[in-house]
């Protein structure tokens, strides 16, 4: 082996490794930025879903209240109709 050729070979290898480390450092930085952006996006989505869930729960409560009111109205109407039918049956049987 020629030792005078060893130093340029080692220097070249160190330079290649430094370049590779530079590329990896840039990739790591880009991935870290992506992670930050994804975390922000995730938080925004969670907030939006929480808002949507709250709105849907409120809508569900309103619909349930309307349904209870509608059932009460229909029950009262049915009772009046049954009373009318009973009176009509009484009149017919006389």
C-alpha atoms as a PDB file:
ATOM      1  CA  UNK A   1       0.000   0.000   0.000  1.00  0.00           C
ATOM      2  CA  UNK A   2       1.195   3.458  -0.829  1.00  0.00           C
ATOM      3  CA  UNK A   3       0.815   5.583   2.275  1.00  0.00           C
ATOM      4  CA  UNK A   4       0.953   8.853   0.380  1.00  0.00           C
ATOM      5  CA  UNK A   5      -2.325   7.811  -1.327  1.00  0.00           C
ATOM      6  CA  UNK A   6      -3.983   6.968   1.992  1.00  0.00           C
ATOM      7  CA  UNK A   7      -4.469  10.556   3.180  1.00  0.00           C
ATOM      8  CA  UNK A   8      -6.428  11.708   0.068  1.00  0.00           C
ATOM      9  CA  UNK A   9      -8.545   8.523   0.226  1.00  0.00           C
ATOM     10  CA  UNK A  10      -9.350   9.082   3.908  1.00  0.00           C
ATOM     11  CA  UNK A  11     -10.061  12.751   3.298  1.00  0.00           C
ATOM     12  CA  UNK A  12     -12.378  11.850   0.436  1.00  0.00           C
ATOM     13  CA  UNK A  13     -14.224   9.337   2.622  1.00  0.00           C
ATOM     14  CA  UNK A  14     -14.611  11.896   5.428  1.00  0.00           C
ATOM     15  CA  UNK A  15     -15.993  14.403   2.924  1.00  0.00           C
ATOM     16  CA  UNK A  16     -18.509  11.833   1.636  1.00  0.00           C
ATOM     17  CA  UNK A  17     -19.586  11.081   5.186  1.00  0.00           C
ATOM     18  CA  UNK A  18     -19.973  14.790   5.924  1.00  0.00           C
ATOM     19  CA  UNK A  19     -22.115  15.186   2.826  1.00  0.00           C
ATOM     20  CA  UNK A  20     -24.234  12.207   3.874  1.00  0.00           C
ATOM     21  CA  UNK A  21     -24.582  13.677   7.369  1.00  0.00           C
ATOM     22  CA  UNK A  22     -25.605  16.996   5.850  1.00  0.00           C
ATOM     23  CA  UNK A  23     -28.293  15.295   3.769  1.00  0.00           C
ATOM     24  CA  UNK A  24     -29.520  13.382   6.803  1.00  0.00           C
ATOM     25  CA  UNK A  25     -29.563  16.550   8.912  1.00  0.00           C
ATOM     26  CA  UNK A  26     -31.662  18.349   6.278  1.00  0.00           C
ATOM     27  CA  UNK A  27     -34.023  15.365   6.071  1.00  0.00           C
ATOM     28  CA  UNK A  28     -34.337  15.285   9.842  1.00  0.00           C
ATOM     29  CA  UNK A  29     -35.057  18.999   9.935  1.00  0.00           C
ATOM     30  CA  UNK A  30     -37.701  18.650   7.213  1.00  0.00           C
ATOM     31  CA  UNK A  31     -39.297  15.727   9.058  1.00  0.00           C
ATOM     32  CA  UNK A  32     -39.304  17.687  12.310  1.00  0.00           C
ATOM     33  CA  UNK A  33     -41.061  20.575  10.540  1.00  0.00           C
ATOM     34  CA  UNK A  34     -43.546  18.129   9.026  1.00  0.00           C
ATOM     35  CA  UNK A  35     -44.209  16.686  12.459  1.00  0.00           C
ATOM     36  CA  UNK A  36     -44.914  20.145  13.872  1.00  0.00           C
ATOM     37  CA  UNK A  37     -47.290  20.876  10.997  1.00  0.00           C
ATOM     38  CA  UNK A  38     -49.050  17.529  11.447  1.00  0.00           C
ATOM     39  CA  UNK A  39     -49.451  18.145  15.172  1.00  0.00           C
ATOM     40  CA  UNK A  40     -51.018  21.544  14.490  1.00  0.00           C
ATOM     41  CA  UNK A  41     -53.278  20.005  11.853  1.00  0.00           C
ATOM     42  CA  UNK A  42     -54.264  17.252  14.283  1.00  0.00           C
ATOM     43  CA  UNK A  43     -55.112  19.788  16.989  1.00  0.00           C
ATOM     44  CA  UNK A  44     -57.203  21.779  14.523  1.00  0.00           C
ATOM     45  CA  UNK A  45     -59.056  18.653  13.435  1.00  0.00           C
ATOM     46  CA  UNK A  46     -59.694  17.631  17.036  1.00  0.00           C
ATOM     47  CA  UNK A  47     -61.062  21.094  17.805  1.00  0.00           C
ATOM     48  CA  UNK A  48     -63.282  20.997  14.716  1.00  0.00           C
ATOM     49  CA  UNK A  49     -64.554  17.522  15.611  1.00  0.00           C
ATOM     50  CA  UNK A  50     -65.259  18.618  19.174  1.00  0.00           C
ATOM     51  CA  UNK A  51     -67.223  21.611  17.851  1.00  0.00           C
ATOM     52  CA  UNK A  52     -69.132  19.420  15.405  1.00  0.00           C
ATOM     53  CA  UNK A  53     -69.878  16.884  18.135  1.00  0.00           C
ATOM     54  CA  UNK A  54     -71.207  19.614  20.417  1.00  0.00           C
ATOM     55  CA  UNK A  55     -73.429  20.934  17.622  1.00  0.00           C
ATOM     56  CA  UNK A  56     -74.736  17.447  16.858  1.00  0.00           C
ATOM     57  CA  UNK A  57     -75.494  16.816  20.532  1.00  0.00           C
ATOM     58  CA  UNK A  58     -77.394  20.102  20.750  1.00  0.00           C
ATOM     59  CA  UNK A  59     -79.307  19.247  17.580  1.00  0.00           C
ATOM     60  CA  UNK A  60     -80.107  15.794  18.970  1.00  0.00           C
ATOM     61  CA  UNK A  61     -81.453  17.320  22.187  1.00  0.00           C
ATOM     62  CA  UNK A  62     -83.634  19.744  20.201  1.00  0.00           C
ATOM     63  CA  UNK A  63     -84.978  16.911  18.050  1.00  0.00           C
ATOM     64  CA  UNK A  64     -85.689  14.752  21.083  1.00  0.00           C
ATOM     65  CA  UNK A  65     -87.555  17.624  22.763  1.00  0.00           C
ATOM     66  CA  UNK A  66     -89.574  18.195  19.580  1.00  0.00           C
ATOM     67  CA  UNK A  67     -90.360  14.489  19.406  1.00  0.00           C
ATOM     68  CA  UNK A  68     -91.554  14.450  23.026  1.00  0.00           C
ATOM     69  CA  UNK A  69     -93.777  17.457  22.277  1.00  0.00           C
ATOM     70  CA  UNK A  70     -95.101  15.829  19.123  1.00  0.00           C
ATOM     71  CA  UNK A  71     -95.848  12.591  20.988  1.00  0.00           C
ATOM     72  CA  UNK A  72     -97.701  14.525  23.695  1.00  0.00           C
ATOM     73  CA  UNK A  73     -99.734  16.355  21.057  1.00  0.00           C
ATOM     74  CA  UNK A  74    -100.580  13.106  19.279  1.00  0.00           C
ATOM     75  CA  UNK A  75    -101.494  11.393  22.553  1.00  0.00           C
ATOM     76  CA  UNK A  76    -103.848  14.239  23.458  1.00  0.00           C
ATOM     77  CA  UNK A  77    -105.423  14.145  19.995  1.00  0.00           C
ATOM     78  CA  UNK A  78    -105.848  10.363  20.205  1.00  0.00           C
ATOM     79  CA  UNK A  79    -107.486  10.722  23.602  1.00  0.00           C
ATOM     80  CA  UNK A  80    -109.946  13.292  22.228  1.00  0.00           C
ATOM     81  CA  UNK A  81    -110.720  11.049  19.246  1.00  0.00           C
ATOM     82  CA  UNK A  82    -111.293   8.057  21.523  1.00  0.00           C
ATOM     83  CA  UNK A  83    -113.584  10.122  23.761  1.00  0.00           C
ATOM     84  CA  UNK A  84    -115.498  11.276  20.679  1.00  0.00           C
ATOM     85  CA  UNK A  85    -115.764   7.708  19.433  1.00  0.00           C
ATOM     86  CA  UNK A  86    -116.988   6.560  22.846  1.00  0.00           C
ATOM     87  CA  UNK A  87    -119.648   9.313  22.886  1.00  0.00           C
ATOM     88  CA  UNK A  88    -120.690   8.409  19.350  1.00  0.00           C
ATOM     89  CA  UNK A  89    -120.958   4.733  20.313  1.00  0.00           C
ATOM     90  CA  UNK A  90    -123.059   5.694  23.340  1.00  0.00           C
ATOM     91  CA  UNK A  91    -125.399   7.768  21.165  1.00  0.00           C
ATOM     92  CA  UNK A  92    -125.725   4.989  18.602  1.00  0.00           C
ATOM     93  CA  UNK A  93    -126.513   2.391  21.248  1.00  0.00           C
ATOM     94  CA  UNK A  94    -129.404   4.476  22.660  1.00  0.00           C
END
